[in-house]
Amino acid sequence: MAKTLNLQIVTPEGLTYSQEVEIVVLRAPDGQIGILPHHIPLMTQMLRGEMMVRKEGRAQFLAVGEGLVEVTGDSVSILTDMAIEAENIDEAKAEEARQRAAARLREKISAEEVASVNASLARSLAQLHVKRRRRTA
């Protein structure tokens, strides 16, 4: 009986995470869900924020974007626009991106540009949230 899940996360840059993990905890529309080995098949939306995975008894945290999650057997596949491990987040760059996006929103820009800037702002806020939360934990 398997005691791990094969977790694969794919972003526009390609396969960004592929590990055997013990549990995956993420935000879904109906709340936070935990996925353990032998989970029932599931297809759900993932919300932007923090994802926790436990590997070899240690928790790892990632800043993730919105995406789709598919659970089949002992594998979890996630397709998202962002997945960055907490220790790889550059807080200064994320803060700079947040400030640029906030400044851009104060300008007169088209509705299309507003959507793009809001997406950029959301990505930087998710990274900052995870990095700052993990720094104080």
Protein backbone atom coordinates (compact mmCIF):
# COMPACT_ATOMS: atom_id res chain seq x y z
CA MET A 1 0.00 0.00 0.00
CA ALA A 2 1.51 3.31 -1.13
CA LYS A 3 2.31 5.84 1.56
CA THR A 4 3.06 8.67 -0.85
CA LEU A 5 1.49 10.61 -3.68
CA ASN A 6 3.20 11.60 -6.89
CA LEU A 7 2.71 15.39 -7.05
CA GLN A 8 3.33 17.12 -10.35
CA ILE A 9 2.85 20.84 -10.87
CA VAL A 10 2.92 22.31 -14.36
CA THR A 11 3.14 26.06 -15.03
CA PRO A 12 3.60 27.95 -18.32
CA GLU A 13 7.35 27.46 -17.79
CA GLY A 14 6.93 23.66 -17.77
CA LEU A 15 7.09 21.01 -15.06
CA THR A 16 8.09 22.99 -11.96
CA TYR A 17 7.57 20.40 -9.24
CA SER A 18 7.65 16.60 -9.38
CA GLN A 19 8.06 14.77 -6.07
CA GLU A 20 6.73 11.90 -4.00
CA VAL A 21 4.92 13.52 -1.05
CA GLU A 22 2.88 12.32 1.93
CA ILE A 23 0.12 14.97 1.82
CA VAL A 24 -0.93 17.98 -0.24
CA VAL A 25 -2.98 20.78 1.36
CA LEU A 26 -4.38 23.54 -0.86
CA ARG A 27 -7.17 26.09 -1.13
CA ALA A 28 -10.22 25.12 -3.18
CA PRO A 29 -13.48 27.04 -3.73
CA ASP A 30 -15.21 25.20 -0.88
CA GLY A 31 -12.30 25.64 1.54
CA GLN A 32 -8.96 24.06 2.29
CA ILE A 33 -8.56 20.41 1.26
CA GLY A 34 -6.01 17.80 2.20
CA ILE A 35 -5.09 15.03 -0.20
CA LEU A 36 -3.59 11.83 1.18
CA PRO A 37 -2.61 8.59 -0.58
CA HIS A 38 -5.65 6.63 -1.84
CA HIS A 39 -7.78 9.78 -2.07
CA ILE A 40 -10.93 9.37 -4.13
CA PRO A 41 -10.66 10.63 -7.73
CA LEU A 42 -11.23 14.37 -7.78
CA MET A 43 -11.13 17.29 -10.17
CA THR A 44 -11.33 20.76 -8.60
CA GLN A 45 -10.20 24.33 -8.91
CA MET A 46 -7.24 25.55 -6.85
CA LEU A 47 -7.30 29.10 -5.51
CA ARG A 48 -4.31 31.43 -5.35
CA GLY A 49 -2.39 31.36 -2.09
CA GLU A 50 -0.33 28.93 -0.06
CA MET A 51 0.01 25.21 -0.67
CA MET A 52 1.64 22.87 1.83
CA VAL A 53 3.20 19.53 0.98
CA ARG A 54 4.79 17.16 3.45
CA LYS A 55 7.74 15.15 2.20
CA GLU A 56 9.75 12.81 4.41
CA GLY A 57 7.98 14.25 7.47
CA ARG A 58 8.90 17.87 6.68
CA ALA A 59 6.46 20.54 5.56
CA GLN A 60 7.29 22.53 2.41
CA PHE A 61 5.31 25.61 1.43
CA LEU A 62 4.67 27.01 -2.03
CA ALA A 63 3.03 30.18 -3.32
CA VAL A 64 0.62 29.03 -6.01
CA GLY A 65 -1.67 30.68 -8.49
CA GLU A 66 -5.13 29.67 -9.54
CA GLY A 67 -5.34 26.39 -11.35
CA LEU A 68 -6.87 22.98 -11.81
CA VAL A 69 -6.21 19.93 -9.65
CA GLU A 70 -6.72 16.33 -10.72
CA VAL A 71 -6.39 13.48 -8.22
CA THR A 72 -6.28 9.94 -9.62
CA GLY A 73 -5.11 6.95 -7.63
CA ASP A 74 -1.93 8.01 -5.90
CA SER A 75 -1.12 10.98 -8.10
CA VAL A 76 -1.98 14.67 -7.95
CA SER A 77 -1.57 16.80 -11.07
CA ILE A 78 -1.84 20.56 -10.86
CA LEU A 79 -1.95 23.00 -13.76
CA THR A 80 -1.42 26.57 -12.55
CA ASP A 81 0.05 29.91 -13.60
CA MET A 82 2.52 30.03 -10.67
CA ALA A 83 4.19 27.67 -8.19
CA ILE A 84 7.21 28.91 -6.22
CA GLU A 85 8.69 27.24 -3.16
CA ALA A 86 8.77 29.64 -0.19
CA GLU A 87 12.56 29.52 0.10
CA ASN A 88 12.88 30.52 -3.59
CA ILE A 89 10.72 33.65 -3.30
CA ASP A 90 12.70 36.86 -3.58
CA GLU A 91 10.79 39.12 -1.21
CA ALA A 92 12.40 42.32 -2.50
CA LYS A 93 11.48 41.52 -6.12
CA ALA A 94 7.94 40.52 -5.16
CA GLU A 95 7.50 43.76 -3.20
CA GLU A 96 8.86 45.76 -6.13
CA ALA A 97 6.42 44.02 -8.49
CA ARG A 98 3.56 44.75 -6.09
CA GLN A 99 4.47 48.44 -5.98
CA ARG A 100 4.79 48.65 -9.79
CA ALA A 101 1.39 47.01 -10.26
CA ALA A 102 -0.26 49.27 -7.66
CA ALA A 103 1.23 52.37 -9.33
CA ARG A 104 0.12 51.16 -12.76
CA LEU A 105 -3.46 50.73 -11.50
CA ARG A 106 -3.53 54.42 -10.52
CA GLU A 107 -2.88 55.37 -14.18
CA LYS A 108 -5.44 55.57 -16.95
CA ILE A 109 -5.20 52.17 -18.61
CA SER A 110 -7.51 50.03 -20.71
CA ALA A 111 -9.73 47.33 -19.22
CA GLU A 112 -7.45 44.70 -20.76
CA GLU A 113 -4.41 46.27 -19.10
CA VAL A 114 -6.29 46.44 -15.77
CA ALA A 115 -6.88 42.67 -15.93
CA SER A 116 -3.22 42.00 -16.69
CA VAL A 117 -1.98 44.32 -13.93
CA ASN A 118 -4.45 42.83 -11.44
CA ALA A 119 -3.12 39.35 -12.26
CA SER A 120 0.44 40.57 -11.71
CA LEU A 121 -0.57 42.20 -8.44
CA ALA A 122 -2.27 38.99 -7.25
CA ARG A 123 0.84 36.92 -8.06
CA SER A 124 3.13 39.26 -6.14
CA LEU A 125 0.74 39.44 -3.17
CA ALA A 126 0.55 35.63 -2.98
CA GLN A 127 4.34 35.40 -2.98
CA LEU A 128 4.68 38.07 -0.30
CA HIS A 129 2.04 36.42 1.87
CA VAL A 130 3.77 33.04 1.77
CA LYS A 131 7.28 34.43 2.22
CA ARG A 132 6.33 36.67 5.14
CA ARG A 133 4.22 34.01 6.81
CA ARG A 134 6.99 31.42 6.55
CA ARG A 135 9.61 33.89 7.82
CA THR A 136 7.70 34.43 11.05
CA ALA A 137 6.64 30.80 11.51
